Amino acid sequence: MEIITDERFKALKNKSILVGLTYVHNDNSISHRVEFLGTIIDLDNEGLVIKKDSDGDKFWLPPDNSAIQHAPKGEYTLQTTGEVISNPDFMTIWTIDLQE
């Protein structure tokens, strides 16, 4: 994991990020997906803090710089809701093993 530095965080702070999470069972079948747009607001000892646009709740991601990419300009349709997101600054996609 490439940890986000303070300098890198300055470039991320207050930028929009499209988050995609896929939760999988031990057999790699998909349990469920979570997708949302948020704003990067902080970097603390728990990780990168994102404020979700939909409800204002905070969400933490591991501070892995290699998992955050610039999002190509365009529209993104969330598979889970059908919502269309236009031109987010960054995007990140994670697969989470449920460890059942």
PDB file of N, CA and C in Angstrom:
ATOM      1  N   MET A   1       0.852  -1.176   0.000  1.00  0.00           N
ATOM      2  CA  MET A   1       0.000   0.000   0.000  1.00  0.00           C
ATOM      3  C   MET A   1       0.896   1.236   0.000  1.00  0.00           C
ATOM      4  N   GLU A   2       0.557   2.170  -0.854  1.00  0.00           N
ATOM      5  CA  GLU A   2       1.262   3.447  -0.939  1.00  0.00           C
ATOM      6  C   GLU A   2       0.476   4.477  -0.117  1.00  0.00           C
ATOM      7  N   ILE A   3       0.976   4.813   1.061  1.00  0.00           N
ATOM      8  CA  ILE A   3       0.267   5.702   1.991  1.00  0.00           C
ATOM      9  C   ILE A   3       0.175   7.124   1.425  1.00  0.00           C
ATOM     10  N   ILE A   4      -0.984   7.744   1.592  1.00  0.00           N
ATOM     11  CA  ILE A   4      -1.189   9.130   1.161  1.00  0.00           C
ATOM     12  C   ILE A   4      -0.357  10.053   2.042  1.00  0.00           C
ATOM     13  N   THR A   5       0.456  10.864   1.419  1.00  0.00           N
ATOM     14  CA  THR A   5       1.280  11.830   2.151  1.00  0.00           C
ATOM     15  C   THR A   5       0.483  13.102   2.411  1.00  0.00           C
ATOM     16  N   ASP A   6       0.975  13.936   3.318  1.00  0.00           N
ATOM     17  CA  ASP A   6       0.321  15.221   3.580  1.00  0.00           C
ATOM     18  C   ASP A   6       0.267  16.066   2.316  1.00  0.00           C
ATOM     19  N   GLU A   7       1.333  16.032   1.531  1.00  0.00           N
ATOM     20  CA  GLU A   7       1.371  16.808   0.287  1.00  0.00           C
ATOM     21  C   GLU A   7       0.304  16.326  -0.688  1.00  0.00           C
ATOM     22  N   ARG A   8       0.169  15.014  -0.837  1.00  0.00           N
ATOM     23  CA  ARG A   8      -0.850  14.450  -1.724  1.00  0.00           C
ATOM     24  C   ARG A   8      -2.244  14.782  -1.207  1.00  0.00           C
ATOM     25  N   PHE A   9      -2.433  14.741   0.117  1.00  0.00           N
ATOM     26  CA  PHE A   9      -3.744  15.052   0.677  1.00  0.00           C
ATOM     27  C   PHE A   9      -4.155  16.479   0.329  1.00  0.00           C
ATOM     28  N   LYS A  10      -3.211  17.404   0.336  1.00  0.00           N
ATOM     29  CA  LYS A  10      -3.531  18.796  -0.024  1.00  0.00           C
ATOM     30  C   LYS A  10      -4.122  18.877  -1.427  1.00  0.00           C
ATOM     31  N   ALA A  11      -3.665  18.010  -2.330  1.00  0.00           N
ATOM     32  CA  ALA A  11      -4.196  17.986  -3.694  1.00  0.00           C
ATOM     33  C   ALA A  11      -5.563  17.303  -3.772  1.00  0.00           C
ATOM     34  N   LEU A  12      -5.875  16.465  -2.782  1.00  0.00           N
ATOM     35  CA  LEU A  12      -7.149  15.736  -2.764  1.00  0.00           C
ATOM     36  C   LEU A  12      -8.247  16.464  -1.998  1.00  0.00           C
ATOM     37  N   LYS A  13      -7.866  17.246  -1.002  1.00  0.00           N
ATOM     38  CA  LYS A  13      -8.837  17.857  -0.094  1.00  0.00           C
ATOM     39  C   LYS A  13      -9.843  18.721  -0.851  1.00  0.00           C
ATOM     40  N   ASN A  14     -11.101  18.539  -0.461  1.00  0.00           N
ATOM     41  CA  ASN A  14     -12.246  19.260  -1.020  1.00  0.00           C
ATOM     42  C   ASN A  14     -12.542  18.909  -2.475  1.00  0.00           C
ATOM     43  N   LYS A  15     -11.990  17.821  -2.955  1.00  0.00           N
ATOM     44  CA  LYS A  15     -12.274  17.347  -4.313  1.00  0.00           C
ATOM     45  C   LYS A  15     -13.335  16.255  -4.244  1.00  0.00           C
ATOM     46  N   SER A  16     -14.073  16.110  -5.344  1.00  0.00           N
ATOM     47  CA  SER A  16     -15.102  15.069  -5.403  1.00  0.00           C
ATOM     48  C   SER A  16     -14.462  13.728  -5.750  1.00  0.00           C
ATOM     49  N   ILE A  17     -15.062  12.670  -5.198  1.00  0.00           N
ATOM     50  CA  ILE A  17     -14.569  11.318  -5.476  1.00  0.00           C
ATOM     51  C   ILE A  17     -15.750  10.369  -5.632  1.00  0.00           C
ATOM     52  N   LEU A  18     -15.704   9.582  -6.679  1.00  0.00           N
ATOM     53  CA  LEU A  18     -16.694   8.543  -6.927  1.00  0.00           C
ATOM     54  C   LEU A  18     -16.154   7.249  -6.332  1.00  0.00           C
ATOM     55  N   VAL A  19     -16.920   6.656  -5.423  1.00  0.00           N
ATOM     56  CA  VAL A  19     -16.482   5.464  -4.690  1.00  0.00           C
ATOM     57  C   VAL A  19     -17.325   4.265  -5.121  1.00  0.00           C
ATOM     58  N   GLY A  20     -16.648   3.170  -5.458  1.00  0.00           N
ATOM     59  CA  GLY A  20     -17.322   1.919  -5.783  1.00  0.00           C
ATOM     60  C   GLY A  20     -16.780   0.802  -4.907  1.00  0.00           C
ATOM     61  N   LEU A  21     -17.669   0.146  -4.171  1.00  0.00           N
ATOM     62  CA  LEU A  21     -17.282  -0.940  -3.266  1.00  0.00           C
ATOM     63  C   LEU A  21     -18.062  -2.193  -3.641  1.00  0.00           C
ATOM     64  N   THR A  22     -17.353  -3.300  -3.827  1.00  0.00           N
ATOM     65  CA  THR A  22     -17.998  -4.579  -4.089  1.00  0.00           C
ATOM     66  C   THR A  22     -17.629  -5.528  -2.959  1.00  0.00           C
ATOM     67  N   TYR A  23     -18.640  -6.033  -2.265  1.00  0.00           N
ATOM     68  CA  TYR A  23     -18.442  -6.962  -1.149  1.00  0.00           C
ATOM     69  C   TYR A  23     -18.635  -8.378  -1.676  1.00  0.00           C
ATOM     70  N   VAL A  24     -17.636  -9.249  -1.432  1.00  0.00           N
ATOM     71  CA  VAL A  24     -17.697 -10.606  -1.963  1.00  0.00           C
ATOM     72  C   VAL A  24     -17.601 -11.644  -0.846  1.00  0.00           C
ATOM     73  N   HIS A  25     -18.272 -12.782  -1.095  1.00  0.00           N
ATOM     74  CA  HIS A  25     -18.213 -13.928  -0.188  1.00  0.00           C
ATOM     75  C   HIS A  25     -16.896 -14.674  -0.394  1.00  0.00           C
ATOM     76  N   ASN A  26     -16.648 -15.668   0.450  1.00  0.00           N
ATOM     77  CA  ASN A  26     -15.429 -16.484   0.340  1.00  0.00           C
ATOM     78  C   ASN A  26     -15.286 -17.158  -1.025  1.00  0.00           C
ATOM     79  N   ASP A  27     -16.419 -17.484  -1.664  1.00  0.00           N
ATOM     80  CA  ASP A  27     -16.371 -18.135  -2.980  1.00  0.00           C
ATOM     81  C   ASP A  27     -16.293 -17.123  -4.124  1.00  0.00           C
ATOM     82  N   ASN A  28     -16.061 -15.848  -3.783  1.00  0.00           N
ATOM     83  CA  ASN A  28     -15.945 -14.732  -4.733  1.00  0.00           C
ATOM     84  C   ASN A  28     -17.260 -14.320  -5.378  1.00  0.00           C
ATOM     85  N   SER A  29     -18.385 -14.876  -4.922  1.00  0.00           N
ATOM     86  CA  SER A  29     -19.668 -14.387  -5.420  1.00  0.00           C
ATOM     87  C   SER A  29     -19.961 -13.042  -4.750  1.00  0.00           C
ATOM     88  N   ILE A  30     -20.657 -12.188  -5.473  1.00  0.00           N
ATOM     89  CA  ILE A  30     -20.930 -10.836  -4.983  1.00  0.00           C
ATOM     90  C   ILE A  30     -22.063 -10.858  -3.966  1.00  0.00           C
ATOM     91  N   SER A  31     -21.822 -10.267  -2.817  1.00  0.00           N
ATOM     92  CA  SER A  31     -22.845 -10.091  -1.794  1.00  0.00           C
ATOM     93  C   SER A  31     -23.671  -8.850  -2.114  1.00  0.00           C
ATOM     94  N   HIS A  32     -22.979  -7.715  -2.254  1.00  0.00           N
ATOM     95  CA  HIS A  32     -23.661  -6.471  -2.589  1.00  0.00           C
ATOM     96  C   HIS A  32     -22.648  -5.422  -3.027  1.00  0.00           C
ATOM     97  N   ARG A  33     -23.179  -4.340  -3.594  1.00  0.00           N
ATOM     98  CA  ARG A  33     -22.345  -3.227  -4.047  1.00  0.00           C
ATOM     99  C   ARG A  33     -22.808  -1.942  -3.377  1.00  0.00           C
ATOM    100  N   VAL A  34     -21.855  -1.043  -3.180  1.00  0.00           N
ATOM    101  CA  VAL A  34     -22.144   0.297  -2.666  1.00  0.00           C
ATOM    102  C   VAL A  34     -21.423   1.274  -3.585  1.00  0.00           C
ATOM    103  N   GLU A  35     -22.138   2.288  -4.040  1.00  0.00           N
ATOM    104  CA  GLU A  35     -21.550   3.325  -4.888  1.00  0.00           C
ATOM    105  C   GLU A  35     -22.050   4.671  -4.398  1.00  0.00           C
ATOM    106  N   PHE A  36     -21.158   5.651  -4.361  1.00  0.00           N
ATOM    107  CA  PHE A  36     -21.593   6.990  -3.974  1.00  0.00           C
ATOM    108  C   PHE A  36     -20.583   8.032  -4.405  1.00  0.00           C
ATOM    109  N   LEU A  37     -21.059   9.261  -4.461  1.00  0.00           N
ATOM    110  CA  LEU A  37     -20.207  10.416  -4.705  1.00  0.00           C
ATOM    111  C   LEU A  37     -20.014  11.124  -3.383  1.00  0.00           C
ATOM    112  N   GLY A  38     -18.814  11.582  -3.148  1.00  0.00           N
ATOM    113  CA  GLY A  38     -18.532  12.301  -1.918  1.00  0.00           C
ATOM    114  C   GLY A  38     -17.443  13.328  -2.123  1.00  0.00           C
ATOM    115  N   THR A  39     -17.122  14.018  -1.037  1.00  0.00           N
ATOM    116  CA  THR A  39     -16.063  15.018  -1.027  1.00  0.00           C
ATOM    117  C   THR A  39     -15.010  14.590  -0.022  1.00  0.00           C
ATOM    118  N   ILE A  40     -13.760  14.628  -0.432  1.00  0.00           N
ATOM    119  CA  ILE A  40     -12.651  14.273   0.455  1.00  0.00           C
ATOM    120  C   ILE A  40     -12.459  15.419   1.439  1.00  0.00           C
ATOM    121  N   ILE A  41     -12.624  15.134   2.743  1.00  0.00           N
ATOM    122  CA  ILE A  41     -12.582  16.229   3.720  1.00  0.00           C
ATOM    123  C   ILE A  41     -11.441  16.144   4.722  1.00  0.00           C
ATOM    124  N   ASP A  42     -10.873  14.951   4.924  1.00  0.00           N
ATOM    125  CA  ASP A  42      -9.836  14.851   5.957  1.00  0.00           C
ATOM    126  C   ASP A  42      -8.998  13.598   5.730  1.00  0.00           C
ATOM    127  N   LEU A  43      -7.852  13.586   6.380  1.00  0.00           N
ATOM    128  CA  LEU A  43      -6.996  12.417   6.458  1.00  0.00           C
ATOM    129  C   LEU A  43      -6.627  12.282   7.921  1.00  0.00           C
ATOM    130  N   ASP A  44      -7.116  11.199   8.562  1.00  0.00           N
ATOM    131  CA  ASP A  44      -6.830  11.028   9.984  1.00  0.00           C
ATOM    132  C   ASP A  44      -6.202   9.661  10.223  1.00  0.00           C
ATOM    133  N   ASN A  45      -6.074   9.278  11.485  1.00  0.00           N
ATOM    134  CA  ASN A  45      -5.407   8.009  11.793  1.00  0.00           C
ATOM    135  C   ASN A  45      -6.217   6.788  11.362  1.00  0.00           C
ATOM    136  N   GLU A  46      -7.478   6.976  10.969  1.00  0.00           N
ATOM    137  CA  GLU A  46      -8.293   5.867  10.473  1.00  0.00           C
ATOM    138  C   GLU A  46      -8.264   5.773   8.953  1.00  0.00           C
ATOM    139  N   GLY A  47      -7.818   6.836   8.290  1.00  0.00           N
ATOM    140  CA  GLY A  47      -7.749   6.804   6.837  1.00  0.00           C
ATOM    141  C   GLY A  47      -8.257   8.074   6.199  1.00  0.00           C
ATOM    142  N   LEU A  48      -8.639   7.950   4.944  1.00  0.00           N
ATOM    143  CA  LEU A  48      -9.156   9.067   4.166  1.00  0.00           C
ATOM    144  C   LEU A  48     -10.636   9.241   4.492  1.00  0.00           C
ATOM    145  N   VAL A  49     -11.030  10.443   4.882  1.00  0.00           N
ATOM    146  CA  VAL A  49     -12.407  10.708   5.292  1.00  0.00           C
ATOM    147  C   VAL A  49     -13.152  11.359   4.131  1.00  0.00           C
ATOM    148  N   ILE A  50     -14.277  10.751   3.771  1.00  0.00           N
ATOM    149  CA  ILE A  50     -15.107  11.235   2.672  1.00  0.00           C
ATOM    150  C   ILE A  50     -16.487  11.566   3.219  1.00  0.00           C
ATOM    151  N   LYS A  51     -16.976  12.750   2.886  1.00  0.00           N
ATOM    152  CA  LYS A  51     -18.336  13.143   3.260  1.00  0.00           C
ATOM    153  C   LYS A  51     -19.244  12.809   2.078  1.00  0.00           C
ATOM    154  N   LYS A  52     -20.196  11.899   2.316  1.00  0.00           N
ATOM    155  CA  LYS A  52     -21.094  11.458   1.256  1.00  0.00           C
ATOM    156  C   LYS A  52     -22.049  12.582   0.869  1.00  0.00           C
ATOM    157  N   ASP A  53     -22.169  12.824  -0.439  1.00  0.00           N
ATOM    158  CA  ASP A  53     -23.055  13.881  -0.924  1.00  0.00           C
ATOM    159  C   ASP A  53     -24.521  13.576  -0.633  1.00  0.00           C
ATOM    160  N   SER A  54     -24.897  12.304  -0.639  1.00  0.00           N
ATOM    161  CA  SER A  54     -26.305  11.923  -0.503  1.00  0.00           C
ATOM    162  C   SER A  54     -26.892  12.232   0.863  1.00  0.00           C
ATOM    163  N   ASP A  55     -26.108  12.042   1.925  1.00  0.00           N
ATOM    164  CA  ASP A  55     -26.672  12.216   3.266  1.00  0.00           C
ATOM    165  C   ASP A  55     -25.747  12.925   4.247  1.00  0.00           C
ATOM    166  N   GLY A  56     -24.554  13.302   3.815  1.00  0.00           N
ATOM    167  CA  GLY A  56     -23.625  14.013   4.693  1.00  0.00           C
ATOM    168  C   GLY A  56     -22.865  13.124   5.658  1.00  0.00           C
ATOM    169  N   ASP A  57     -23.148  11.810   5.635  1.00  0.00           N
ATOM    170  CA  ASP A  57     -22.426  10.885   6.518  1.00  0.00           C
ATOM    171  C   ASP A  57     -20.963  10.804   6.106  1.00  0.00           C
ATOM    172  N   LYS A  58     -20.113  10.514   7.081  1.00  0.00           N
ATOM    173  CA  LYS A  58     -18.692  10.332   6.804  1.00  0.00           C
ATOM    174  C   LYS A  58     -18.411   8.861   6.530  1.00  0.00           C
ATOM    175  N   PHE A  59     -17.465   8.630   5.635  1.00  0.00           N
ATOM    176  CA  PHE A  59     -17.062   7.282   5.260  1.00  0.00           C
ATOM    177  C   PHE A  59     -15.540   7.260   5.202  1.00  0.00           C
ATOM    178  N   TRP A  60     -14.939   6.231   5.764  1.00  0.00           N
ATOM    179  CA  TRP A  60     -13.478   6.127   5.803  1.00  0.00           C
ATOM    180  C   TRP A  60     -13.006   5.068   4.820  1.00  0.00           C
ATOM    181  N   LEU A  61     -11.925   5.391   4.108  1.00  0.00           N
ATOM    182  CA  LEU A  61     -11.238   4.436   3.248  1.00  0.00           C
ATOM    183  C   LEU A  61      -9.791   4.314   3.703  1.00  0.00           C
ATOM    184  N   PRO A  62      -9.170   3.164   3.462  1.00  0.00           N
ATOM    185  CA  PRO A  62      -7.742   3.067   3.773  1.00  0.00           C
ATOM    186  C   PRO A  62      -6.971   4.160   3.021  1.00  0.00           C
ATOM    187  N   PRO A  63      -5.911   4.676   3.608  1.00  0.00           N
ATOM    188  CA  PRO A  63      -5.167   5.779   2.986  1.00  0.00           C
ATOM    189  C   PRO A  63      -4.209   5.296   1.898  1.00  0.00           C
ATOM    190  N   ASP A  64      -4.729   4.530   0.943  1.00  0.00           N
ATOM    191  CA  ASP A  64      -3.910   3.941  -0.116  1.00  0.00           C
ATOM    192  C   ASP A  64      -3.933   4.838  -1.345  1.00  0.00           C
ATOM    193  N   ASN A  65      -2.849   5.564  -1.557  1.00  0.00           N
ATOM    194  CA  ASN A  65      -2.762   6.498  -2.670  1.00  0.00           C
ATOM    195  C   ASN A  65      -2.908   5.801  -4.019  1.00  0.00           C
ATOM    196  N   SER A  66      -2.424   4.563  -4.131  1.00  0.00           N
ATOM    197  CA  SER A  66      -2.483   3.857  -5.410  1.00  0.00           C
ATOM    198  C   SER A  66      -3.910   3.482  -5.806  1.00  0.00           C
ATOM    199  N   ALA A  67      -4.855   3.552  -4.876  1.00  0.00           N
ATOM    200  CA  ALA A  67      -6.248   3.199  -5.165  1.00  0.00           C
ATOM    201  C   ALA A  67      -7.077   4.396  -5.629  1.00  0.00           C
ATOM    202  N   ILE A  68      -6.472   5.578  -5.672  1.00  0.00           N
ATOM    203  CA  ILE A  68      -7.198   6.789  -6.064  1.00  0.00           C
ATOM    204  C   ILE A  68      -6.668   7.262  -7.409  1.00  0.00           C
ATOM    205  N   GLN A  69      -7.569   7.312  -8.392  1.00  0.00           N
ATOM    206  CA  GLN A  69      -7.186   7.750  -9.728  1.00  0.00           C
ATOM    207  C   GLN A  69      -7.973   8.994 -10.117  1.00  0.00           C
ATOM    208  N   HIS A  70      -7.380   9.792 -11.004  1.00  0.00           N
ATOM    209  CA  HIS A  70      -8.143  10.878 -11.613  1.00  0.00           C
ATOM    210  C   HIS A  70      -9.257  10.241 -12.433  1.00  0.00           C
ATOM    211  N   ALA A  71     -10.454  10.800 -12.331  1.00  0.00           N
ATOM    212  CA  ALA A  71     -11.581  10.277 -13.099  1.00  0.00           C
ATOM    213  C   ALA A  71     -11.602  10.945 -14.471  1.00  0.00           C
ATOM    214  N   PRO A  72     -11.638  10.166 -15.538  1.00  0.00           N
ATOM    215  CA  PRO A  72     -11.780  10.771 -16.859  1.00  0.00           C
ATOM    216  C   PRO A  72     -13.075  11.583 -16.924  1.00  0.00           C
ATOM    217  N   LYS A  73     -13.037  12.721 -17.593  1.00  0.00           N
ATOM    218  CA  LYS A  73     -14.231  13.563 -17.724  1.00  0.00           C
ATOM    219  C   LYS A  73     -15.344  12.765 -18.383  1.00  0.00           C
ATOM    220  N   GLY A  74     -16.562  12.972 -17.903  1.00  0.00           N
ATOM    221  CA  GLY A  74     -17.702  12.289 -18.477  1.00  0.00           C
ATOM    222  C   GLY A  74     -18.765  12.013 -17.438  1.00  0.00           C
ATOM    223  N   GLU A  75     -19.776  11.268 -17.863  1.00  0.00           N
ATOM    224  CA  GLU A  75     -20.880  10.903 -16.984  1.00  0.00           C
ATOM    225  C   GLU A  75     -20.727   9.443 -16.566  1.00  0.00           C
ATOM    226  N   TYR A  76     -21.023   9.191 -15.290  1.00  0.00           N
ATOM    227  CA  TYR A  76     -20.943   7.856 -14.716  1.00  0.00           C
ATOM    228  C   TYR A  76     -22.314   7.510 -14.152  1.00  0.00           C
ATOM    229  N   THR A  77     -22.871   6.387 -14.577  1.00  0.00           N
ATOM    230  CA  THR A  77     -24.162   5.944 -14.069  1.00  0.00           C
ATOM    231  C   THR A  77     -23.922   4.893 -12.991  1.00  0.00           C
ATOM    232  N   LEU A  78     -24.423   5.162 -11.788  1.00  0.00           N
ATOM    233  CA  LEU A  78     -24.258   4.219 -10.687  1.00  0.00           C
ATOM    234  C   LEU A  78     -25.138   3.004 -10.937  1.00  0.00           C
ATOM    235  N   GLN A  79     -24.540   1.825 -10.899  1.00  0.00           N
ATOM    236  CA  GLN A  79     -25.282   0.586 -11.145  1.00  0.00           C
ATOM    237  C   GLN A  79     -26.326   0.335 -10.071  1.00  0.00           C
ATOM    238  N   THR A  80     -26.044   0.783  -8.853  1.00  0.00           N
ATOM    239  CA  THR A  80     -26.935   0.478  -7.733  1.00  0.00           C
ATOM    240  C   THR A  80     -28.169   1.363  -7.685  1.00  0.00           C
ATOM    241  N   THR A  81     -28.085   2.584  -8.227  1.00  0.00           N
ATOM    242  CA  THR A  81     -29.205   3.523  -8.103  1.00  0.00           C
ATOM    243  C   THR A  81     -29.676   4.115  -9.425  1.00  0.00           C
ATOM    244  N   GLY A  82     -28.857   4.032 -10.461  1.00  0.00           N
ATOM    245  CA  GLY A  82     -29.187   4.667 -11.728  1.00  0.00           C
ATOM    246  C   GLY A  82     -28.842   6.149 -11.766  1.00  0.00           C
ATOM    247  N   GLU A  83     -28.365   6.684 -10.647  1.00  0.00           N
ATOM    248  CA  GLU A  83     -27.985   8.095 -10.582  1.00  0.00           C
ATOM    249  C   GLU A  83     -26.824   8.355 -11.538  1.00  0.00           C
ATOM    250  N   VAL A  84     -26.866   9.515 -12.204  1.00  0.00           N
ATOM    251  CA  VAL A  84     -25.806   9.901 -13.124  1.00  0.00           C
ATOM    252  C   VAL A  84     -24.928  10.950 -12.449  1.00  0.00           C
ATOM    253  N   ILE A  85     -23.630  10.678 -12.408  1.00  0.00           N
ATOM    254  CA  ILE A  85     -22.643  11.568 -11.808  1.00  0.00           C
ATOM    255  C   ILE A  85     -21.825  12.174 -12.939  1.00  0.00           C
ATOM    256  N   SER A  86     -21.694  13.492 -12.952  1.00  0.00           N
ATOM    257  CA  SER A  86     -20.939  14.166 -14.002  1.00  0.00           C
ATOM    258  C   SER A  86     -19.600  14.677 -13.486  1.00  0.00           C
ATOM    259  N   ASN A  87     -18.560  14.299 -14.174  1.00  0.00           N
ATOM    260  CA  ASN A  87     -17.217  14.842 -13.985  1.00  0.00           C
ATOM    261  C   ASN A  87     -16.690  14.865 -12.548  1.00  0.00           C
ATOM    262  N   PRO A  88     -16.676  13.721 -11.860  1.00  0.00           N
ATOM    263  CA  PRO A  88     -16.022  13.719 -10.543  1.00  0.00           C
ATOM    264  C   PRO A  88     -14.520  13.956 -10.736  1.00  0.00           C
ATOM    265  N   ASP A  89     -13.877  14.483  -9.705  1.00  0.00           N
ATOM    266  CA  ASP A  89     -12.439  14.733  -9.795  1.00  0.00           C
ATOM    267  C   ASP A  89     -11.631  13.438  -9.745  1.00  0.00           C
ATOM    268  N   PHE A  90     -12.021  12.542  -8.832  1.00  0.00           N
ATOM    269  CA  PHE A  90     -11.287  11.301  -8.620  1.00  0.00           C
ATOM    270  C   PHE A  90     -12.255  10.133  -8.545  1.00  0.00           C
ATOM    271  N   MET A  91     -11.695   8.928  -8.620  1.00  0.00           N
ATOM    272  CA  MET A  91     -12.496   7.719  -8.440  1.00  0.00           C
ATOM    273  C   MET A  91     -11.650   6.668  -7.735  1.00  0.00           C
ATOM    274  N   THR A  92     -12.348   5.765  -7.039  1.00  0.00           N
ATOM    275  CA  THR A  92     -11.674   4.655  -6.370  1.00  0.00           C
ATOM    276  C   THR A  92     -12.612   3.457  -6.367  1.00  0.00           C
ATOM    277  N   ILE A  93     -12.052   2.291  -6.605  1.00  0.00           N
ATOM    278  CA  ILE A  93     -12.836   1.059  -6.659  1.00  0.00           C
ATOM    279  C   ILE A  93     -12.171   0.033  -5.745  1.00  0.00           C
ATOM    280  N   TRP A  94     -12.981  -0.587  -4.894  1.00  0.00           N
ATOM    281  CA  TRP A  94     -12.466  -1.554  -3.919  1.00  0.00           C
ATOM    282  C   TRP A  94     -13.296  -2.829  -3.964  1.00  0.00           C
ATOM    283  N   THR A  95     -12.640  -3.962  -3.719  1.00  0.00           N
ATOM    284  CA  THR A  95     -13.312  -5.235  -3.487  1.00  0.00           C
ATOM    285  C   THR A  95     -13.016  -5.633  -2.047  1.00  0.00           C
ATOM    286  N   ILE A  96     -14.078  -5.904  -1.295  1.00  0.00           N
ATOM    287  CA  ILE A  96     -13.940  -6.211   0.130  1.00  0.00           C
ATOM    288  C   ILE A  96     -14.346  -7.660   0.373  1.00  0.00           C
ATOM    289  N   ASP A  97     -13.427  -8.463   0.900  1.00  0.00           N
ATOM    290  CA  ASP A  97     -13.723  -9.850   1.266  1.00  0.00           C
ATOM    291  C   ASP A  97     -14.458  -9.862   2.600  1.00  0.00           C
ATOM    292  N   LEU A  98     -15.614 -10.526   2.642  1.00  0.00           N
ATOM    293  CA  LEU A  98     -16.428 -10.544   3.856  1.00  0.00           C
ATOM    294  C   LEU A  98     -15.886 -11.467   4.940  1.00  0.00           C
ATOM    295  N   GLN A  99     -14.940 -12.324   4.628  1.00  0.00           N
ATOM    296  CA  GLN A  99     -14.300 -13.188   5.636  1.00  0.00           C
ATOM    297  C   GLN A  99     -15.319 -13.967   6.469  1.00  0.00           C
ATOM    298  N   GLU A 100     -16.184 -14.687   5.797  1.00  0.00           N
ATOM    299  CA  GLU A 100     -17.240 -15.443   6.484  1.00  0.00           C
ATOM    300  C   GLU A 100     -16.722 -16.765   6.987  1.00  0.00           C
TER     301      GLU A 100
END
